[in-house]
Structures are given as C-alpha cells and as structure tokens.
Amino acid sequence: MRQNNRALNRARRLVPAIALTAALVAGGAVTAAPAFAAAGPLSLTVHTPAMVGFAGGPVEFTEHIGNQGSEGTSVGLAFEIGTALGTPPHALSLDYFSDSLGGWQPVALKESPEADRTVNSGATGEVVVPAGGTDLRLRLGVPMGLPHDGATNGGTGPELTFRTTVKAWGQGSPIEPPLTDTHVVKVEGITNGVSGVPDTAIRGGAPIEFDEVLRNPTPSAYTNLGNVLFVDRNAKVEVRGADGAWSAVPAVTTEGEPNAGFYLDGRNSSAAPNSSQTKRVRVSYPAAVPVGNTRVDTCVFVNEGDQPFMGTTMCSQGSTVRIDAPQPKPSSTPEPTPTLDATATATATPTAPSGGTDGSGGAPVVQPAGDVTTAPAAPAATTSPAGGAPAADAQPVGGHLASTGSDSDRTGLIAGLGAVLIGAGVATFAAVRRRRAN
C-alpha cells in the first residue's frame, strides 16, 4: 500500500490540475473529472469512468493527447491496472480504438503480484498525435471471465487504480518530463432482492405476493444474465406481466438441493446501464409442503455456461417464510331443537268408570273427538281421605287435564262434590251416546 501511495503522490506532483468531483457525460456513462498533465509540447487529459460494473460490460472513455507543436509525433500509451485483490483469468479488459487497424483492439494484460496489490499491465500500439492533438477512445471492463464462462470464485475491487503513461514511440522510454495520470475507479455489481415478503404462508392456500427488484447502478451493460429466485422446489412461482396477467415460471432443479431456481427473465437476459426493474411475483405452496420455515432467496448469475447457476454469482439477503397448516373450519352442526316435557304435550284419553257406560262392565270406551265438545267437562280433584289411604286417580274428562288440590280443611266437602259430579257426568255422557246411536 505504501508503494501505491508513493505512486499517487508522484502523480499528483506531476499533474498541475485535478478536479475532484464526478460528473455525468452523455450516454449515461459516469466518469471521473479529467486530469491534465503536460510535458513539453504534449499534454494528457484522461476521462476515466468513476465506476465499472463487476462482471458487466466495458465502459468507454477518452484520453486526450494534446500537441502544441507544429508537427505531428507518434507515441505509445502504457497502462497499469492495480487492485487489492488477486484476479482470476480474464477478470479485466482494456481496449483502444484504432482507425488504422479497423476498430477496437484489445490491450494484452500481464498480471504481476506485488506486496499489497496485483497489477495488470499492457500498452497500445503506435498512436499518431497530429499538431493540435488527438482523442484516443478506450474502454475498461471487469468481465470476470469470458462469455458463458464466468469465473465462479475470486474477485476484483472494490476499486481499481488506473494509470496511463505516455512514452515516445520507437524508443519505449517515457517522455521527459514524465507524462502520466492516475485515477481511482470504483467497482460495483448488479444486485437483486425481494421486498415485502409476507412472514407466513398457508400450504394449500392462497399464494403470497411480493416484489423482486433487479438494480444495475453501474454504467456497464449486462448480458448473459440470469435473475433467479430460489424457493421450495414444490412451490409454484408466477410473474405478473405488463398486461396484468400472471405467467408461471418453470422450475430449474439441481440434484441434492431442496430449493429450485426460477429465472424471472429467462436465461441470458440483459440489464441496461443505470437501470432498475421491478417484478411482481407470487408464490403458492402445495398442501404437501411440510409445516415450518422456508427460504426465499435471490441471486444474479453472469456468463453461465451449460450448467445452471454456475458463473459469476452475486446473491442478496433473502427472507424467511413460515409455512402454516390451514385452520380447521368451524363446526356446522345445528343446535338441538328444544323439546317440551312429555307430560305437558300428552293428550289425555277419557275413560269410563269401572263397569262401563253401557252397564256391561267391559273395557273403558274411548270418546271420539267430536263428542268431547258436547260433553260437559267437570274438573276432577284428587284428594287423600282423612284416614290417609289414597283415593283412586281421577282421569281428565273431555280431553282436559285435571287440576289437583290438597286443602285438608275441605277434604270431605270436595270428596262428596267430586263423587256427585263424576256420577252426573257419566250419566250425561251415556245419554248422549244413546241418542246418537238411535
């Protein structure tokens, strides 16, 4: 790190003016303020990007080589890209544009480990600088591998130290005094995550809904991208389209993993620089899913090969969802209908006194309902004789229940009246029967 600091201090002494703020340039690329250095008639102004995307596409910028002389000259540019972390193969890329060579030309980079950092160095071919100067177009990237062959481990960043040195062409020596520039470029990656995930879900019940957000805060464009949601392999995942319709997303499973991956945008999708995409997702769990906690996680994969989920990987913090069983439905058994006391609902059956009404002494005669209305009904009281012996039960007459009493002061009177009334009632009942029979 001390060596790095010495290099930065030396660059500051050589650069007369450095702007310390960042600015946006046309096309959405974020760049650092340019630096200017001069050596004799030549000068160097560098517009490096303030940031590049981890595993994303390269970001274009320019370096202006000024020439205040009256004649053109040829130079070469040498570059050093330093990072605090070691880099896997094809982790960094640097290209320059040459009209004479017909387009973008890669700068071959050679990795050199140092005490506290790793440096990748390379150089351009001949650059002709006419009188008045010229612009050299470059692009810097952190692809983390080749297309469809992304690195699965290692890293780069979180920042790069980018240094440019102008050398005299054909001599390979720096211009005197040295003409150089050093910039720091941040490295950030694309991310995805979930928002508003419910705490619980009912197995066999309605799906849960939430948002999945894919953010690219970098000036790098991403291709060969996989935006993946991981949930239980038995779950059903749907995404709502722009028209409001829900579409099921197929599950991609791997052996031994309880969760499946769902590519919300399909494999090999893309994300524009400085963009954000929000998708409404719903997940339903079938009745066979066990009760307990389950996970909802998200990852972004870049440059996957034939095998899913193998590439440069960036995962975000997910959520835990509790799977509950459905609540039992309340019982629909109707309450029992109250019943009346049997003694209160029974209909009394009138009977004739012993011996019958026809003098034959046979079984009691059942009185038809039509006859009851014409027969005078007399309430029969039941009393206990003074001697304590129970009297014969009196039956109700005319379909009416008899009332009872137990007033001991009028026992004899009531008993006598009762006998007379019963006899009169029987006689009347028999007379009515004979008249109707005739």
Protein backbone atom coordinates (compact mmCIF):
# COMPACT_ATOMS: atom_id res chain seq x y z
CA MET A 1 0.00 0.00 0.00
CA ARG A 2 2.98 2.35 0.68
CA GLN A 3 4.13 1.81 -2.88
CA ASN A 4 0.67 2.67 -4.11
CA ASN A 5 0.65 5.85 -2.05
CA ARG A 6 4.06 6.88 -3.38
CA ALA A 7 2.77 6.38 -6.93
CA LEU A 8 -0.28 8.50 -6.21
CA ASN A 9 1.81 11.26 -4.61
CA ARG A 10 4.20 11.27 -7.54
CA ALA A 11 1.27 11.53 -9.95
CA ARG A 12 -0.14 14.46 -8.00
CA ARG A 13 3.16 16.32 -8.25
CA LEU A 14 3.14 15.81 -12.00
CA VAL A 15 -0.46 16.81 -12.58
CA PRO A 16 -0.98 20.57 -12.26
CA ALA A 17 -4.76 20.46 -12.10
CA ILE A 18 -7.08 17.68 -10.95
CA ALA A 19 -10.81 18.13 -10.49
CA LEU A 20 -12.09 16.18 -7.50
CA THR A 21 -15.75 15.86 -8.37
CA ALA A 22 -17.59 13.33 -10.55
CA ALA A 23 -19.84 14.26 -13.46
CA LEU A 24 -22.29 12.60 -15.81
CA VAL A 25 -21.47 12.55 -19.51
CA ALA A 26 -23.73 11.95 -22.49
CA GLY A 27 -24.99 8.41 -22.91
CA GLY A 28 -25.39 7.82 -19.19
CA ALA A 29 -21.75 6.80 -18.52
CA VAL A 30 -20.49 8.01 -15.16
CA THR A 31 -16.95 9.39 -15.42
CA ALA A 32 -14.47 11.00 -13.14
CA ALA A 33 -13.32 14.53 -13.75
CA PRO A 34 -10.45 14.66 -16.26
CA ALA A 35 -6.82 15.05 -15.21
CA PHE A 36 -4.32 17.11 -17.16
CA ALA A 37 -0.56 16.70 -17.44
CA ALA A 38 1.95 18.38 -19.73
CA ALA A 39 5.46 17.56 -20.93
CA GLY A 40 6.96 19.90 -23.46
CA PRO A 41 4.53 20.38 -26.35
CA LEU A 42 2.48 17.30 -25.34
CA SER A 43 -0.26 17.07 -22.71
CA LEU A 44 -2.56 14.33 -21.38
CA THR A 45 -6.16 14.68 -20.24
CA VAL A 46 -7.89 11.49 -19.01
CA HIS A 47 -11.65 10.98 -18.50
CA THR A 48 -11.76 7.62 -16.72
CA PRO A 49 -15.17 6.30 -15.62
CA ALA A 50 -15.95 6.77 -11.96
CA MET A 51 -17.29 3.22 -11.82
CA VAL A 52 -17.44 -0.02 -13.80
CA GLY A 53 -19.75 -2.96 -13.30
CA PHE A 54 -18.43 -6.16 -11.74
CA ALA A 55 -18.88 -8.91 -14.38
CA GLY A 56 -20.51 -6.33 -16.63
CA GLY A 57 -19.63 -4.89 -20.00
CA PRO A 58 -16.82 -2.41 -20.58
CA VAL A 59 -17.31 1.33 -20.12
CA GLU A 60 -15.95 3.68 -22.78
CA PHE A 61 -13.93 6.80 -22.02
CA THR A 62 -11.38 9.04 -23.75
CA GLU A 63 -7.84 10.20 -23.22
CA HIS A 64 -6.85 13.39 -24.99
CA ILE A 65 -3.25 13.78 -26.05
CA GLY A 66 -2.57 17.43 -26.78
CA ASN A 67 0.18 18.58 -29.14
CA GLN A 68 1.03 22.28 -29.12
CA GLY A 69 3.83 21.79 -31.63
CA SER A 70 3.61 22.47 -35.31
CA GLU A 71 4.43 18.91 -36.33
CA GLY A 72 2.84 15.57 -35.58
CA THR A 73 4.50 12.90 -33.50
CA SER A 74 3.96 9.26 -32.58
CA VAL A 75 3.62 7.95 -29.05
CA GLY A 76 2.61 4.84 -27.22
CA LEU A 77 0.47 4.59 -24.14
CA ALA A 78 1.31 2.23 -21.32
CA PHE A 79 -1.31 1.22 -18.72
CA GLU A 80 -1.29 -0.26 -15.25
CA ILE A 81 -4.45 -1.52 -13.53
CA GLY A 82 -3.90 -2.22 -9.86
CA THR A 83 -6.29 -3.99 -7.48
CA ALA A 84 -6.02 -5.02 -3.85
CA LEU A 85 -7.40 -8.47 -4.63
CA GLY A 86 -5.99 -11.12 -6.88
CA THR A 87 -7.77 -11.55 -10.21
CA PRO A 88 -8.85 -14.77 -11.91
CA PRO A 89 -8.14 -15.24 -15.62
CA HIS A 90 -9.88 -12.73 -17.90
CA ALA A 91 -11.04 -10.70 -14.93
CA LEU A 92 -10.06 -7.35 -16.51
CA SER A 93 -10.32 -6.00 -20.02
CA LEU A 94 -8.93 -2.92 -21.73
CA ASP A 95 -9.38 -1.98 -25.40
CA TYR A 96 -8.47 1.02 -27.54
CA PHE A 97 -9.95 2.12 -30.84
CA SER A 98 -7.70 2.38 -33.90
CA ASP A 99 -8.92 3.70 -37.23
CA SER A 100 -5.85 2.32 -38.99
CA LEU A 101 -6.38 -1.14 -37.56
CA GLY A 102 -10.11 -1.14 -38.20
CA GLY A 103 -11.81 -0.89 -34.83
CA TRP A 104 -11.42 -1.95 -31.23
CA GLN A 105 -8.09 -3.55 -30.36
CA PRO A 106 -7.51 -5.44 -27.11
CA VAL A 107 -4.65 -4.45 -24.85
CA ALA A 108 -2.86 -7.61 -23.76
CA LEU A 109 -2.60 -7.51 -19.96
CA LYS A 110 0.04 -9.23 -17.90
CA GLU A 111 -0.55 -9.88 -14.21
CA SER A 112 2.24 -9.10 -11.73
CA PRO A 113 1.70 -9.71 -7.99
CA GLU A 114 3.17 -7.10 -5.69
CA ALA A 115 3.41 -6.84 -1.93
CA ASP A 116 -0.03 -5.41 -1.26
CA ARG A 117 -1.73 -5.48 -4.64
CA THR A 118 -1.88 -7.11 -8.07
CA VAL A 119 -1.02 -5.12 -11.19
CA ASN A 120 -2.13 -5.90 -14.73
CA SER A 121 -0.08 -4.00 -17.28
CA GLY A 122 -0.18 -3.53 -21.08
CA ALA A 123 0.32 -0.99 -23.85
CA THR A 124 -1.20 0.24 -27.09
CA GLY A 125 0.38 0.21 -30.49
CA GLU A 126 1.57 3.38 -32.20
CA VAL A 127 -0.65 6.40 -31.67
CA VAL A 128 -0.13 9.28 -34.10
CA VAL A 129 -0.63 12.67 -32.48
CA PRO A 130 -1.03 15.42 -35.08
CA ALA A 131 -0.48 19.08 -34.37
CA GLY A 132 -3.27 20.21 -32.10
CA GLY A 133 -3.67 16.77 -30.51
CA THR A 134 -5.97 13.79 -30.79
CA ASP A 135 -8.51 11.81 -28.77
CA LEU A 136 -7.92 8.15 -28.04
CA ARG A 137 -11.02 6.12 -27.28
CA LEU A 138 -10.63 3.38 -24.67
CA ARG A 139 -12.92 1.08 -22.74
CA LEU A 140 -12.31 -0.54 -19.39
CA GLY A 141 -14.20 -3.55 -18.05
CA VAL A 142 -14.26 -6.15 -15.30
CA PRO A 143 -15.87 -9.07 -17.18
CA MET A 144 -14.79 -11.74 -14.68
CA GLY A 145 -14.37 -14.33 -17.42
CA LEU A 146 -15.33 -14.97 -21.00
CA PRO A 147 -18.89 -15.05 -22.37
CA HIS A 148 -20.70 -18.12 -20.99
CA ASP A 149 -17.60 -18.94 -18.94
CA GLY A 150 -17.80 -16.65 -15.96
CA ALA A 151 -15.47 -17.00 -13.00
CA THR A 152 -17.08 -18.84 -10.11
CA ASN A 153 -14.73 -17.51 -7.43
CA GLY A 154 -12.17 -14.78 -6.87
CA GLY A 155 -12.91 -11.11 -7.20
CA THR A 156 -11.75 -7.70 -8.25
CA GLY A 157 -12.00 -4.43 -6.43
CA PRO A 158 -13.75 -2.80 -4.66
CA GLU A 159 -11.74 -0.28 -6.67
CA LEU A 160 -9.13 -0.15 -9.40
CA THR A 161 -6.16 2.18 -9.70
CA PHE A 162 -5.86 3.08 -13.38
CA ARG A 163 -2.61 4.67 -14.53
CA THR A 164 -1.66 5.94 -18.01
CA THR A 165 1.90 6.83 -19.09
CA VAL A 166 2.81 8.41 -22.45
CA LYS A 167 6.00 7.05 -23.99
CA ALA A 168 7.97 8.07 -27.02
CA TRP A 169 7.17 5.68 -29.84
CA GLY A 170 10.07 3.57 -31.12
CA GLN A 171 12.21 4.27 -28.06
CA GLY A 172 9.96 2.73 -25.39
CA SER A 173 11.07 5.36 -22.91
CA PRO A 174 8.92 7.87 -21.05
CA ILE A 175 8.74 11.38 -22.27
CA GLU A 176 10.74 13.79 -20.19
CA PRO A 177 9.48 15.17 -18.01
CA PRO A 178 7.18 12.15 -17.46
CA LEU A 179 3.66 12.47 -18.79
CA THR A 180 1.37 10.32 -16.63
CA ASP A 181 -2.05 10.21 -14.93
CA THR A 182 -3.55 8.07 -12.16
CA HIS A 183 -7.25 7.66 -11.40
CA VAL A 184 -9.26 5.51 -8.98
CA VAL A 185 -12.23 3.64 -10.49
CA LYS A 186 -14.83 2.01 -8.25
CA VAL A 187 -16.14 -1.48 -8.95
CA GLU A 188 -19.76 -2.29 -8.10
CA GLY A 189 -22.04 -5.10 -9.19
CA ILE A 190 -25.57 -5.64 -10.29
CA THR A 191 -27.90 -6.74 -7.49
CA ASN A 192 -31.35 -8.19 -6.99
CA GLY A 193 -33.50 -8.57 -3.93
CA VAL A 194 -37.00 -9.14 -2.59
CA SER A 195 -39.27 -6.61 -0.91
CA GLY A 196 -42.49 -7.01 1.06
CA VAL A 197 -42.33 -10.79 1.52
CA PRO A 198 -45.08 -11.91 3.97
CA ASP A 199 -43.95 -13.63 7.15
CA THR A 200 -46.31 -16.59 6.74
CA ALA A 201 -47.93 -18.65 4.01
CA ILE A 202 -50.64 -21.32 4.18
CA ARG A 203 -49.86 -24.59 2.49
CA GLY A 204 -52.58 -25.42 0.02
CA GLY A 205 -53.89 -21.87 0.41
CA ALA A 206 -53.69 -18.58 -1.44
CA PRO A 207 -50.28 -17.51 -2.82
CA ILE A 208 -48.13 -14.87 -1.19
CA GLU A 209 -47.17 -11.80 -3.25
CA PHE A 210 -44.09 -9.56 -3.13
CA ASP A 211 -41.71 -7.54 -5.34
CA GLU A 212 -38.41 -8.68 -6.81
CA VAL A 213 -36.12 -5.83 -7.81
CA LEU A 214 -33.13 -6.02 -10.17
CA ARG A 215 -30.83 -2.98 -9.91
CA ASN A 216 -27.88 -2.06 -12.08
CA PRO A 217 -26.32 1.06 -10.52
CA THR A 218 -23.30 0.94 -12.83
CA PRO A 219 -22.56 2.36 -16.28
CA SER A 220 -21.90 -1.19 -17.53
CA ALA A 221 -24.42 -3.05 -19.63
CA TYR A 222 -25.08 -6.65 -18.57
CA THR A 223 -25.72 -9.53 -20.95
CA ASN A 224 -25.81 -13.30 -20.46
CA LEU A 225 -27.64 -12.55 -17.23
CA GLY A 226 -29.72 -14.81 -15.00
CA ASN A 227 -32.08 -13.14 -12.50
CA VAL A 228 -33.04 -16.08 -10.27
CA LEU A 229 -35.48 -16.53 -7.39
CA PHE A 230 -34.88 -19.57 -5.15
CA VAL A 231 -37.83 -21.14 -3.27
CA ASP A 232 -39.02 -24.60 -2.30
CA ARG A 233 -38.87 -26.91 -5.32
CA ASN A 234 -42.53 -27.88 -4.83
CA ALA A 235 -43.75 -24.28 -4.94
CA LYS A 236 -45.38 -22.57 -7.88
CA VAL A 237 -43.90 -19.23 -8.98
CA GLU A 238 -45.73 -16.74 -11.19
CA VAL A 239 -44.74 -13.33 -12.55
CA ARG A 240 -47.21 -10.59 -13.45
CA GLY A 241 -46.74 -9.12 -16.90
CA ALA A 242 -47.30 -5.57 -18.11
CA ASP A 243 -50.86 -6.53 -19.08
CA GLY A 244 -51.62 -7.70 -15.54
CA ALA A 245 -51.75 -11.40 -16.46
CA TRP A 246 -49.83 -13.95 -14.39
CA SER A 247 -47.43 -16.34 -16.09
CA ALA A 248 -45.95 -19.44 -14.45
CA VAL A 249 -42.16 -19.67 -14.38
CA PRO A 250 -40.62 -23.14 -14.85
CA ALA A 251 -38.53 -24.53 -12.01
CA VAL A 252 -34.89 -25.48 -12.55
CA THR A 253 -33.67 -28.03 -10.02
CA THR A 254 -30.27 -29.44 -9.19
CA GLU A 255 -29.54 -32.74 -7.51
CA GLY A 256 -29.46 -32.65 -3.75
CA GLU A 257 -30.84 -29.13 -3.41
CA PRO A 258 -34.22 -28.71 -1.66
CA ASN A 259 -34.89 -25.41 -3.41
CA ALA A 260 -35.36 -24.75 -7.10
CA GLY A 261 -34.31 -21.74 -9.12
CA PHE A 262 -36.78 -19.72 -11.19
CA TYR A 263 -35.35 -17.47 -13.93
CA LEU A 264 -37.70 -14.49 -13.73
CA ASP A 265 -36.49 -13.08 -17.07
CA GLY A 266 -35.32 -16.30 -18.64
CA ARG A 267 -31.70 -17.29 -19.16
CA ASN A 268 -29.34 -14.92 -20.98
CA SER A 269 -31.36 -11.82 -20.22
CA SER A 270 -29.89 -8.32 -20.02
CA ALA A 271 -29.90 -5.14 -17.95
CA ALA A 272 -29.19 -1.65 -19.27
CA PRO A 273 -26.74 0.71 -17.54
CA ASN A 274 -28.12 2.64 -14.57
CA SER A 275 -31.43 0.80 -14.62
CA SER A 276 -33.88 -0.77 -12.21
CA GLN A 277 -36.57 -3.38 -12.90
CA THR A 278 -39.34 -4.42 -10.51
CA LYS A 279 -41.36 -7.57 -10.96
CA ARG A 280 -44.47 -8.59 -9.04
CA VAL A 281 -44.13 -12.22 -8.01
CA ARG A 282 -46.47 -14.63 -6.29
CA VAL A 283 -45.57 -17.99 -4.76
CA SER A 284 -48.02 -20.70 -3.71
CA TYR A 285 -47.12 -23.71 -1.62
CA PRO A 286 -48.99 -27.01 -2.15
CA ALA A 287 -50.59 -28.93 0.69
CA ALA A 288 -47.73 -31.48 0.69
CA VAL A 289 -45.13 -28.90 1.78
CA PRO A 290 -44.21 -29.55 5.43
CA VAL A 291 -45.06 -27.03 8.11
CA GLY A 292 -42.08 -24.94 9.21
CA ASN A 293 -39.71 -22.26 7.98
CA THR A 294 -38.67 -21.96 4.35
CA ARG A 295 -36.44 -19.52 2.47
CA VAL A 296 -36.99 -17.02 -0.34
CA ASP A 297 -33.60 -16.01 -1.79
CA THR A 298 -32.31 -14.25 -4.90
CA CYS A 299 -29.08 -14.40 -6.92
CA VAL A 300 -27.76 -12.93 -10.15
CA PHE A 301 -25.59 -15.12 -12.40
CA VAL A 302 -23.50 -13.69 -15.22
CA ASN A 303 -21.99 -15.66 -18.09
CA GLU A 304 -23.45 -19.01 -17.11
CA GLY A 305 -22.37 -21.96 -19.18
CA ASP A 306 -24.48 -25.01 -19.96
CA GLN A 307 -24.82 -25.84 -16.27
CA PRO A 308 -27.32 -23.59 -14.47
CA PHE A 309 -26.25 -21.48 -11.52
CA MET A 310 -22.56 -21.70 -12.48
CA GLY A 311 -20.99 -18.39 -13.37
CA THR A 312 -20.07 -15.14 -11.71
CA THR A 313 -22.50 -15.09 -8.80
CA MET A 314 -23.93 -12.22 -6.77
CA CYS A 315 -26.55 -13.07 -4.12
CA SER A 316 -28.57 -10.85 -1.82
CA GLN A 317 -30.14 -11.27 1.59
CA GLY A 318 -33.49 -13.07 1.26
CA SER A 319 -36.41 -13.68 3.63
CA THR A 320 -37.74 -16.45 5.85
CA VAL A 321 -41.36 -17.51 5.43
CA ARG A 322 -43.26 -19.63 7.95
CA ILE A 323 -45.42 -22.33 6.33
CA ASP A 324 -48.56 -22.99 8.38
CA ALA A 325 -51.32 -25.57 8.02
CA PRO A 326 -54.80 -24.26 7.20
CA GLN A 327 -57.03 -23.55 10.19
CA PRO A 328 -59.87 -26.08 10.73
CA LYS A 329 -63.28 -24.83 9.68
CA PRO A 330 -65.81 -24.17 12.48
CA SER A 331 -68.41 -26.94 13.06
CA SER A 332 -71.70 -26.51 11.16
CA THR A 333 -73.75 -28.99 13.32
CA PRO A 334 -77.16 -27.36 14.11
CA GLU A 335 -78.11 -26.81 17.70
CA PRO A 336 -80.66 -29.36 19.04
CA THR A 337 -84.30 -28.27 18.90
CA PRO A 338 -85.71 -27.90 22.42
CA THR A 339 -88.46 -30.44 23.24
CA LEU A 340 -91.41 -29.97 25.51
CA ASP A 341 -91.97 -32.08 28.58
CA ALA A 342 -93.85 -35.27 27.63
CA THR A 343 -96.31 -34.72 30.44
CA ALA A 344 -97.14 -31.29 29.02
CA THR A 345 -97.73 -32.45 25.44
CA ALA A 346 -99.57 -35.70 26.05
CA THR A 347 -103.29 -35.72 25.26
CA ALA A 348 -105.40 -37.25 27.97
CA THR A 349 -107.70 -40.12 27.00
CA PRO A 350 -111.07 -40.08 28.79
CA THR A 351 -112.11 -43.39 30.33
CA ALA A 352 -115.34 -44.55 31.80
CA PRO A 353 -115.56 -45.55 35.45
CA SER A 354 -115.42 -49.19 36.36
CA GLY A 355 -118.37 -51.11 34.94
CA GLY A 356 -118.51 -49.03 31.68
CA THR A 357 -121.28 -46.72 30.47
CA ASP A 358 -123.37 -49.46 28.91
CA GLY A 359 -123.69 -51.44 32.12
CA SER A 360 -121.74 -54.30 30.68
CA GLY A 361 -118.75 -53.84 32.94
CA GLY A 362 -116.41 -54.11 29.91
CA ALA A 363 -113.31 -52.10 28.92
CA PRO A 364 -113.40 -48.30 29.00
CA VAL A 365 -114.93 -46.68 25.96
CA VAL A 366 -112.77 -44.16 24.07
CA GLN A 367 -114.62 -40.96 23.47
CA PRO A 368 -114.46 -39.67 19.86
CA ALA A 369 -113.15 -36.14 19.42
CA GLY A 370 -116.45 -34.86 18.10
CA ASP A 371 -118.28 -35.97 21.22
CA VAL A 372 -115.90 -34.26 23.58
CA THR A 373 -117.09 -30.77 22.63
CA THR A 374 -120.69 -31.50 23.59
CA ALA A 375 -119.98 -33.27 26.86
CA PRO A 376 -119.88 -31.05 29.92
CA ALA A 377 -116.46 -31.38 31.41
CA ALA A 378 -116.01 -31.17 35.12
CA PRO A 379 -112.64 -30.81 36.79
CA ALA A 380 -111.87 -33.77 38.98
CA ALA A 381 -109.90 -33.10 42.12
CA THR A 382 -107.76 -35.76 43.73
CA THR A 383 -107.76 -35.81 47.47
CA SER A 384 -106.43 -38.00 50.17
CA PRO A 385 -109.01 -39.40 52.65
CA ALA A 386 -108.73 -38.33 56.19
CA GLY A 387 -107.58 -41.79 57.09
CA GLY A 388 -104.52 -41.38 54.87
CA ALA A 389 -105.50 -44.03 52.27
CA PRO A 390 -105.01 -42.79 48.70
CA ALA A 391 -108.12 -42.22 46.66
CA ALA A 392 -108.46 -43.62 43.15
CA ASP A 393 -106.85 -41.40 40.46
CA ALA A 394 -109.41 -39.30 38.69
CA GLN A 395 -108.96 -39.18 34.89
CA PRO A 396 -109.47 -35.92 32.98
CA VAL A 397 -112.76 -35.67 31.10
CA GLY A 398 -113.33 -34.10 27.71
CA GLY A 399 -109.64 -34.02 26.78
CA HIS A 400 -108.67 -31.54 29.56
CA LEU A 401 -106.04 -32.21 32.17
CA ALA A 402 -107.42 -32.35 35.70
CA SER A 403 -106.26 -29.97 38.36
CA THR A 404 -105.26 -31.22 41.82
CA GLY A 405 -105.54 -29.82 45.28
CA SER A 406 -104.76 -30.82 48.87
CA ASP A 407 -106.66 -28.40 51.16
CA SER A 408 -107.23 -30.54 54.34
CA ASP A 409 -109.96 -28.22 55.74
CA ARG A 410 -112.34 -29.00 52.88
CA THR A 411 -111.45 -32.57 52.18
CA GLY A 412 -114.85 -34.09 52.96
CA LEU A 413 -116.80 -31.48 51.05
CA ILE A 414 -114.63 -31.73 47.98
CA ALA A 415 -114.74 -35.51 48.04
CA GLY A 416 -118.56 -35.55 48.19
CA LEU A 417 -118.96 -32.99 45.45
CA GLY A 418 -116.47 -34.83 43.33
CA ALA A 419 -118.42 -38.07 43.58
CA VAL A 420 -121.68 -36.37 42.64
CA LEU A 421 -120.15 -34.57 39.70
CA ILE A 422 -118.49 -37.67 38.37
CA GLY A 423 -121.75 -39.59 38.54
CA ALA A 424 -123.62 -36.80 36.76
CA GLY A 425 -121.02 -36.55 34.09
CA VAL A 426 -121.05 -40.26 33.40
CA ALA A 427 -124.80 -40.31 33.18
CA THR A 428 -124.86 -37.41 30.74
CA PHE A 429 -122.09 -38.96 28.63
CA ALA A 430 -124.07 -42.24 28.36
CA ALA A 431 -127.29 -40.43 27.45
CA VAL A 432 -125.60 -38.55 24.60
CA ARG A 433 -124.14 -41.80 23.27
CA ARG A 434 -127.61 -43.48 23.20
CA ARG A 435 -129.31 -40.57 21.43
CA ARG A 436 -126.67 -40.53 18.70
CA ALA A 437 -126.84 -44.25 18.32
CA ASN A 438 -130.58 -44.04 17.75
